[in-house]
Amino acid sequence: RQPDHFIANSRAVAARISRAYGRHAEVIH
């Protein structure tokens, strides 16, 4: 909950962030 924004290194990790934390992540490889 600390970050204002998440960036994920891949779509696979963005989906994992969503499942684990319920947070949206921008994908930037």
PDB file of all heavy atoms in Angstrom:
ATOM      1  N   ARG A   1       0.824  -1.217   0.000  1.00  0.00           N
ATOM      2  CA  ARG A   1       0.000   0.000   0.000  1.00  0.00           C
ATOM      3  C   ARG A   1       0.858   1.267   0.000  1.00  0.00           C
ATOM      4  O   ARG A   1       0.342   2.364  -0.187  1.00  0.00           O
ATOM      5  CB  ARG A   1      -0.923   0.023   1.232  1.00  0.00           C
ATOM      6  CG  ARG A   1      -1.841  -1.186   1.348  1.00  0.00           C
ATOM      7  CD  ARG A   1      -2.695  -1.352   0.120  1.00  0.00           C
ATOM      8  NE  ARG A   1      -3.478  -2.584   0.166  1.00  0.00           N
ATOM      9  CZ  ARG A   1      -3.899  -3.241  -0.908  1.00  0.00           C
ATOM     10  NH1 ARG A   1      -3.572  -2.775  -2.109  1.00  0.00           N
ATOM     11  NH2 ARG A   1      -4.610  -4.341  -0.795  1.00  0.00           N
ATOM     12  N   GLN A   2       2.152   1.118   0.226  1.00  0.00           N
ATOM     13  CA  GLN A   2       3.017   2.294   0.315  1.00  0.00           C
ATOM     14  C   GLN A   2       3.218   3.001  -1.031  1.00  0.00           C
ATOM     15  O   GLN A   2       3.138   4.220  -1.092  1.00  0.00           O
ATOM     16  CB  GLN A   2       4.377   1.896   0.903  1.00  0.00           C
ATOM     17  CG  GLN A   2       4.329   1.499   2.363  1.00  0.00           C
ATOM     18  CD  GLN A   2       4.037   2.694   3.256  1.00  0.00           C
ATOM     19  OE1 GLN A   2       2.921   2.896   3.728  1.00  0.00           O
ATOM     20  NE2 GLN A   2       5.058   3.503   3.486  1.00  0.00           N
ATOM     21  N   PRO A   3       3.502   2.295  -2.123  1.00  0.00           N
ATOM     22  CA  PRO A   3       3.727   3.007  -3.387  1.00  0.00           C
ATOM     23  C   PRO A   3       2.451   3.665  -3.901  1.00  0.00           C
ATOM     24  O   PRO A   3       1.345   3.127  -3.756  1.00  0.00           O
ATOM     25  CB  PRO A   3       4.187   1.896  -4.342  1.00  0.00           C
ATOM     26  CG  PRO A   3       4.682   0.797  -3.456  1.00  0.00           C
ATOM     27  CD  PRO A   3       3.803   0.854  -2.244  1.00  0.00           C
ATOM     28  N   ASP A   4       2.625   4.814  -4.522  1.00  0.00           N
ATOM     29  CA  ASP A   4       1.509   5.460  -5.211  1.00  0.00           C
ATOM     30  C   ASP A   4       1.236   4.790  -6.545  1.00  0.00           C
ATOM     31  O   ASP A   4       0.095   4.767  -7.013  1.00  0.00           O
ATOM     32  CB  ASP A   4       1.833   6.939  -5.433  1.00  0.00           C
ATOM     33  CG  ASP A   4       2.023   7.683  -4.130  1.00  0.00           C
ATOM     34  OD1 ASP A   4       1.036   7.881  -3.408  1.00  0.00           O
ATOM     35  OD2 ASP A   4       3.180   8.036  -3.820  1.00  0.00           O
ATOM     36  N   HIS A   5       2.297   4.254  -7.160  1.00  0.00           N
ATOM     37  CA  HIS A   5       2.159   3.630  -8.475  1.00  0.00           C
ATOM     38  C   HIS A   5       3.092   2.423  -8.553  1.00  0.00           C
ATOM     39  O   HIS A   5       4.184   2.436  -7.974  1.00  0.00           O
ATOM     40  CB  HIS A   5       2.512   4.605  -9.604  1.00  0.00           C
ATOM     41  CG  HIS A   5       1.689   5.851  -9.615  1.00  0.00           C
ATOM     42  ND1 HIS A   5       0.459   5.934 -10.227  1.00  0.00           N
ATOM     43  CD2 HIS A   5       1.918   7.077  -9.065  1.00  0.00           C
ATOM     44  CE1 HIS A   5      -0.032   7.149 -10.073  1.00  0.00           C
ATOM     45  NE2 HIS A   5       0.830   7.863  -9.370  1.00  0.00           N
ATOM     46  N   PHE A   6       2.659   1.395  -9.282  1.00  0.00           N
ATOM     47  CA  PHE A   6       3.490   0.231  -9.568  1.00  0.00           C
ATOM     48  C   PHE A   6       3.840   0.207 -11.053  1.00  0.00           C
ATOM     49  O   PHE A   6       3.010   0.521 -11.915  1.00  0.00           O
ATOM     50  CB  PHE A   6       2.750  -1.069  -9.233  1.00  0.00           C
ATOM     51  CG  PHE A   6       2.900  -1.525  -7.817  1.00  0.00           C
ATOM     52  CD1 PHE A   6       1.966  -1.150  -6.860  1.00  0.00           C
ATOM     53  CD2 PHE A   6       3.965  -2.328  -7.429  1.00  0.00           C
ATOM     54  CE1 PHE A   6       2.084  -1.578  -5.545  1.00  0.00           C
ATOM     55  CE2 PHE A   6       4.102  -2.747  -6.124  1.00  0.00           C
ATOM     56  CZ  PHE A   6       3.154  -2.379  -5.173  1.00  0.00           C
ATOM     57  N   ILE A   7       5.074  -0.192 -11.326  1.00  0.00           N
ATOM     58  CA  ILE A   7       5.503  -0.560 -12.671  1.00  0.00           C
ATOM     59  C   ILE A   7       5.924  -2.025 -12.607  1.00  0.00           C
ATOM     60  O   ILE A   7       6.631  -2.428 -11.675  1.00  0.00           O
ATOM     61  CB  ILE A   7       6.688   0.299 -13.149  1.00  0.00           C
ATOM     62  CG1 ILE A   7       6.291   1.771 -13.241  1.00  0.00           C
ATOM     63  CG2 ILE A   7       7.202  -0.184 -14.509  1.00  0.00           C
ATOM     64  CD1 ILE A   7       7.460   2.703 -13.530  1.00  0.00           C
ATOM     65  N   ALA A   8       5.508  -2.826 -13.568  1.00  0.00           N
ATOM     66  CA  ALA A   8       5.902  -4.234 -13.641  1.00  0.00           C
ATOM     67  C   ALA A   8       6.838  -4.441 -14.814  1.00  0.00           C
ATOM     68  O   ALA A   8       6.752  -3.735 -15.831  1.00  0.00           O
ATOM     69  CB  ALA A   8       4.676  -5.135 -13.790  1.00  0.00           C
ATOM     70  N   ASN A   9       7.726  -5.424 -14.696  1.00  0.00           N
ATOM     71  CA  ASN A   9       8.686  -5.676 -15.773  1.00  0.00           C
ATOM     72  C   ASN A   9       8.122  -6.534 -16.895  1.00  0.00           C
ATOM     73  O   ASN A   9       8.774  -6.707 -17.924  1.00  0.00           O
ATOM     74  CB  ASN A   9       9.972  -6.298 -15.219  1.00  0.00           C
ATOM     75  CG  ASN A   9       9.756  -7.645 -14.574  1.00  0.00           C
ATOM     76  OD1 ASN A   9       8.633  -8.160 -14.529  1.00  0.00           O
ATOM     77  ND2 ASN A   9      10.822  -8.221 -14.043  1.00  0.00           N
ATOM     78  N   SER A  10       6.909  -7.066 -16.719  1.00  0.00           N
ATOM     79  CA  SER A  10       6.280  -7.872 -17.758  1.00  0.00           C
ATOM     80  C   SER A  10       4.787  -7.977 -17.473  1.00  0.00           C
ATOM     81  O   SER A  10       4.331  -7.684 -16.359  1.00  0.00           O
ATOM     82  CB  SER A  10       6.890  -9.288 -17.807  1.00  0.00           C
ATOM     83  OG  SER A  10       6.562 -10.008 -16.624  1.00  0.00           O
ATOM     84  N   ARG A  11       4.034  -8.416 -18.465  1.00  0.00           N
ATOM     85  CA  ARG A  11       2.598  -8.616 -18.252  1.00  0.00           C
ATOM     86  C   ARG A  11       2.351  -9.732 -17.243  1.00  0.00           C
ATOM     87  O   ARG A  11       1.390  -9.678 -16.474  1.00  0.00           O
ATOM     88  CB  ARG A  11       1.917  -8.927 -19.586  1.00  0.00           C
ATOM     89  CG  ARG A  11       1.916  -7.759 -20.563  1.00  0.00           C
ATOM     90  CD  ARG A  11       1.000  -8.006 -21.749  1.00  0.00           C
ATOM     91  NE  ARG A  11       1.431  -9.125 -22.566  1.00  0.00           N
ATOM     92  CZ  ARG A  11       2.278  -9.041 -23.579  1.00  0.00           C
ATOM     93  NH1 ARG A  11       2.825  -7.864 -23.887  1.00  0.00           N
ATOM     94  NH2 ARG A  11       2.597 -10.102 -24.295  1.00  0.00           N
ATOM     95  N   ALA A  12       3.220 -10.735 -17.253  1.00  0.00           N
ATOM     96  CA  ALA A  12       3.071 -11.836 -16.296  1.00  0.00           C
ATOM     97  C   ALA A  12       3.203 -11.322 -14.870  1.00  0.00           C
ATOM     98  O   ALA A  12       2.446 -11.718 -13.973  1.00  0.00           O
ATOM     99  CB  ALA A  12       4.123 -12.915 -16.577  1.00  0.00           C
ATOM    100  N   VAL A  13       4.156 -10.426 -14.622  1.00  0.00           N
ATOM    101  CA  VAL A  13       4.339  -9.872 -13.278  1.00  0.00           C
ATOM    102  C   VAL A  13       3.217  -8.906 -12.937  1.00  0.00           C
ATOM    103  O   VAL A  13       2.755  -8.857 -11.788  1.00  0.00           O
ATOM    104  CB  VAL A  13       5.723  -9.208 -13.158  1.00  0.00           C
ATOM    105  CG1 VAL A  13       5.824  -8.369 -11.888  1.00  0.00           C
ATOM    106  CG2 VAL A  13       6.801 -10.281 -13.157  1.00  0.00           C
ATOM    107  N   ALA A  14       2.737  -8.136 -13.914  1.00  0.00           N
ATOM    108  CA  ALA A  14       1.605  -7.247 -13.657  1.00  0.00           C
ATOM    109  C   ALA A  14       0.388  -8.041 -13.191  1.00  0.00           C
ATOM    110  O   ALA A  14      -0.323  -7.621 -12.259  1.00  0.00           O
ATOM    111  CB  ALA A  14       1.273  -6.448 -14.913  1.00  0.00           C
ATOM    112  N   ALA A  15       0.141  -9.199 -13.811  1.00  0.00           N
ATOM    113  CA  ALA A  15      -0.974 -10.048 -13.386  1.00  0.00           C
ATOM    114  C   ALA A  15      -0.739 -10.580 -11.979  1.00  0.00           C
ATOM    115  O   ALA A  15      -1.674 -10.680 -11.168  1.00  0.00           O
ATOM    116  CB  ALA A  15      -1.160 -11.206 -14.369  1.00  0.00           C
ATOM    117  N   ARG A  16       0.510 -10.900 -11.655  1.00  0.00           N
ATOM    118  CA  ARG A  16       0.846 -11.393 -10.315  1.00  0.00           C
ATOM    119  C   ARG A  16       0.645 -10.303  -9.260  1.00  0.00           C
ATOM    120  O   ARG A  16       0.160 -10.559  -8.161  1.00  0.00           O
ATOM    121  CB  ARG A  16       2.296 -11.879 -10.323  1.00  0.00           C
ATOM    122  CG  ARG A  16       2.590 -12.997  -9.340  1.00  0.00           C
ATOM    123  CD  ARG A  16       4.006 -13.492  -9.526  1.00  0.00           C
ATOM    124  NE  ARG A  16       4.219 -14.041 -10.847  1.00  0.00           N
ATOM    125  CZ  ARG A  16       5.412 -14.187 -11.419  1.00  0.00           C
ATOM    126  NH1 ARG A  16       6.494 -13.790 -10.779  1.00  0.00           N
ATOM    127  NH2 ARG A  16       5.530 -14.710 -12.610  1.00  0.00           N
ATOM    128  N   ILE A  17       1.017  -9.061  -9.599  1.00  0.00           N
ATOM    129  CA  ILE A  17       0.802  -7.927  -8.699  1.00  0.00           C
ATOM    130  C   ILE A  17      -0.687  -7.730  -8.444  1.00  0.00           C
ATOM    131  O   ILE A  17      -1.126  -7.473  -7.313  1.00  0.00           O
ATOM    132  CB  ILE A  17       1.434  -6.656  -9.290  1.00  0.00           C
ATOM    133  CG1 ILE A  17       2.963  -6.764  -9.271  1.00  0.00           C
ATOM    134  CG2 ILE A  17       0.976  -5.405  -8.538  1.00  0.00           C
ATOM    135  CD1 ILE A  17       3.664  -5.685 -10.065  1.00  0.00           C
ATOM    136  N   SER A  18      -1.478  -7.868  -9.483  1.00  0.00           N
ATOM    137  CA  SER A  18      -2.923  -7.719  -9.344  1.00  0.00           C
ATOM    138  C   SER A  18      -3.502  -8.795  -8.424  1.00  0.00           C
ATOM    139  O   SER A  18      -4.331  -8.501  -7.554  1.00  0.00           O
ATOM    140  CB  SER A  18      -3.583  -7.778 -10.728  1.00  0.00           C
ATOM    141  OG  SER A  18      -4.985  -7.677 -10.618  1.00  0.00           O
ATOM    142  N   ARG A  19      -3.042 -10.043  -8.606  1.00  0.00           N
ATOM    143  CA  ARG A  19      -3.559 -11.136  -7.766  1.00  0.00           C
ATOM    144  C   ARG A  19      -3.120 -10.986  -6.313  1.00  0.00           C
ATOM    145  O   ARG A  19      -3.911 -11.204  -5.392  1.00  0.00           O
ATOM    146  CB  ARG A  19      -3.084 -12.488  -8.311  1.00  0.00           C
ATOM    147  CG  ARG A  19      -3.721 -12.896  -9.626  1.00  0.00           C
ATOM    148  CD  ARG A  19      -3.455 -14.364  -9.932  1.00  0.00           C
ATOM    149  NE  ARG A  19      -2.048 -14.676 -10.008  1.00  0.00           N
ATOM    150  CZ  ARG A  19      -1.317 -14.614 -11.124  1.00  0.00           C
ATOM    151  NH1 ARG A  19      -1.899 -14.238 -12.264  1.00  0.00           N
ATOM    152  NH2 ARG A  19      -0.031 -14.919 -11.132  1.00  0.00           N
ATOM    153  N   ALA A  20      -1.853 -10.643  -6.098  1.00  0.00           N
ATOM    154  CA  ALA A  20      -1.313 -10.603  -4.741  1.00  0.00           C
ATOM    155  C   ALA A  20      -1.752  -9.358  -3.979  1.00  0.00           C
ATOM    156  O   ALA A  20      -2.120  -9.429  -2.803  1.00  0.00           O
ATOM    157  CB  ALA A  20       0.211 -10.677  -4.784  1.00  0.00           C
ATOM    158  N   TYR A  21      -1.696  -8.197  -4.646  1.00  0.00           N
ATOM    159  CA  TYR A  21      -1.870  -6.926  -3.961  1.00  0.00           C
ATOM    160  C   TYR A  21      -3.152  -6.188  -4.329  1.00  0.00           C
ATOM    161  O   TYR A  21      -3.488  -5.191  -3.684  1.00  0.00           O
ATOM    162  CB  TYR A  21      -0.691  -5.987  -4.263  1.00  0.00           C
ATOM    163  CG  TYR A  21       0.666  -6.548  -3.922  1.00  0.00           C
ATOM    164  CD1 TYR A  21       1.776  -6.308  -4.749  1.00  0.00           C
ATOM    165  CD2 TYR A  21       0.875  -7.306  -2.759  1.00  0.00           C
ATOM    166  CE1 TYR A  21       3.027  -6.788  -4.422  1.00  0.00           C
ATOM    167  CE2 TYR A  21       2.133  -7.798  -2.443  1.00  0.00           C
ATOM    168  CZ  TYR A  21       3.204  -7.537  -3.283  1.00  0.00           C
ATOM    169  OH  TYR A  21       4.449  -8.026  -2.970  1.00  0.00           O
ATOM    170  N   GLY A  22      -3.814  -6.636  -5.401  1.00  0.00           N
ATOM    171  CA  GLY A  22      -4.976  -5.897  -5.860  1.00  0.00           C
ATOM    172  C   GLY A  22      -4.623  -4.536  -6.419  1.00  0.00           C
ATOM    173  O   GLY A  22      -5.428  -3.609  -6.384  1.00  0.00           O
ATOM    174  N   ARG A  23      -3.421  -4.388  -6.988  1.00  0.00           N
ATOM    175  CA  ARG A  23      -2.956  -3.109  -7.518  1.00  0.00           C
ATOM    176  C   ARG A  23      -2.732  -3.230  -9.018  1.00  0.00           C
ATOM    177  O   ARG A  23      -2.277  -4.266  -9.519  1.00  0.00           O
ATOM    178  CB  ARG A  23      -1.639  -2.692  -6.852  1.00  0.00           C
ATOM    179  CG  ARG A  23      -1.685  -2.508  -5.340  1.00  0.00           C
ATOM    180  CD  ARG A  23      -2.468  -1.265  -4.944  1.00  0.00           C
ATOM    181  NE  ARG A  23      -1.969  -0.045  -5.568  1.00  0.00           N
ATOM    182  CZ  ARG A  23      -0.998   0.721  -5.057  1.00  0.00           C
ATOM    183  NH1 ARG A  23      -0.409   0.373  -3.908  1.00  0.00           N
ATOM    184  NH2 ARG A  23      -0.623   1.819  -5.663  1.00  0.00           N
ATOM    185  N   HIS A  24      -3.004  -2.141  -9.717  1.00  0.00           N
ATOM    186  CA  HIS A  24      -2.690  -2.071 -11.149  1.00  0.00           C
ATOM    187  C   HIS A  24      -1.222  -1.726 -11.322  1.00  0.00           C
ATOM    188  O   HIS A  24      -0.658  -0.947 -10.541  1.00  0.00           O
ATOM    189  CB  HIS A  24      -3.546  -1.012 -11.828  1.00  0.00           C
ATOM    190  CG  HIS A  24      -3.082  -0.676 -13.218  1.00  0.00           C
ATOM    191  ND1 HIS A  24      -3.293  -1.521 -14.305  1.00  0.00           N
ATOM    192  CD2 HIS A  24      -2.382   0.407 -13.696  1.00  0.00           C
ATOM    193  CE1 HIS A  24      -2.770  -0.967 -15.380  1.00  0.00           C
ATOM    194  NE2 HIS A  24      -2.218   0.191 -15.050  1.00  0.00           N
ATOM    195  N   ALA A  25      -0.586  -2.279 -12.341  1.00  0.00           N
ATOM    196  CA  ALA A  25       0.816  -1.976 -12.638  1.00  0.00           C
ATOM    197  C   ALA A  25       0.974  -1.653 -14.120  1.00  0.00           C
ATOM    198  O   ALA A  25       0.488  -2.388 -14.982  1.00  0.00           O
ATOM    199  CB  ALA A  25       1.718  -3.140 -12.256  1.00  0.00           C
ATOM    200  N   GLU A  26       1.643  -0.549 -14.398  1.00  0.00           N
ATOM    201  CA  GLU A  26       2.072  -0.220 -15.766  1.00  0.00           C
ATOM    202  C   GLU A  26       3.190  -1.186 -16.153  1.00  0.00           C
ATOM    203  O   GLU A  26       4.059  -1.505 -15.335  1.00  0.00           O
ATOM    204  CB  GLU A  26       2.593   1.212 -15.800  1.00  0.00           C
ATOM    205  CG  GLU A  26       2.962   1.728 -17.166  1.00  0.00           C
ATOM    206  CD  GLU A  26       1.780   2.337 -17.892  1.00  0.00           C
ATOM    207  OE1 GLU A  26       0.671   2.351 -17.326  1.00  0.00           O
ATOM    208  OE2 GLU A  26       1.979   2.804 -19.025  1.00  0.00           O
ATOM    209  N   VAL A  27       3.191  -1.661 -17.390  1.00  0.00           N
ATOM    210  CA  VAL A  27       4.247  -2.568 -17.847  1.00  0.00           C
ATOM    211  C   VAL A  27       5.299  -1.783 -18.617  1.00  0.00           C
ATOM    212  O   VAL A  27       4.994  -1.153 -19.633  1.00  0.00           O
ATOM    213  CB  VAL A  27       3.677  -3.701 -18.715  1.00  0.00           C
ATOM    214  CG1 VAL A  27       4.815  -4.578 -19.267  1.00  0.00           C
ATOM    215  CG2 VAL A  27       2.700  -4.554 -17.929  1.00  0.00           C
ATOM    216  N   ILE A  28       6.526  -1.792 -18.104  1.00  0.00           N
ATOM    217  CA  ILE A  28       7.676  -1.220 -18.808  1.00  0.00           C
ATOM    218  C   ILE A  28       8.785  -2.261 -18.755  1.00  0.00           C
ATOM    219  O   ILE A  28       9.314  -2.559 -17.677  1.00  0.00           O
ATOM    220  CB  ILE A  28       8.146   0.104 -18.167  1.00  0.00           C
ATOM    221  CG1 ILE A  28       7.021   1.144 -18.194  1.00  0.00           C
ATOM    222  CG2 ILE A  28       9.382   0.639 -18.894  1.00  0.00           C
ATOM    223  CD1 ILE A  28       7.382   2.468 -17.534  1.00  0.00           C
ATOM    224  N   HIS A  29       9.114  -2.825 -19.883  1.00  0.00           N
ATOM    225  CA  HIS A  29      10.107  -3.901 -19.921  1.00  0.00           C
ATOM    226  C   HIS A  29      11.490  -3.387 -19.522  1.00  0.00           C
ATOM    227  O   HIS A  29      11.818  -2.232 -19.784  1.00  0.00           O
ATOM    228  CB  HIS A  29      10.168  -4.522 -21.316  1.00  0.00           C
ATOM    229  CG  HIS A  29       8.909  -5.238 -21.695  1.00  0.00           C
ATOM    230  ND1 HIS A  29       8.193  -4.928 -22.825  1.00  0.00           N
ATOM    231  CD2 HIS A  29       8.233  -6.249 -21.092  1.00  0.00           C
ATOM    232  CE1 HIS A  29       7.137  -5.720 -22.915  1.00  0.00           C
ATOM    233  NE2 HIS A  29       7.136  -6.527 -21.872  1.00  0.00           N
TER     234      HIS A  29
END
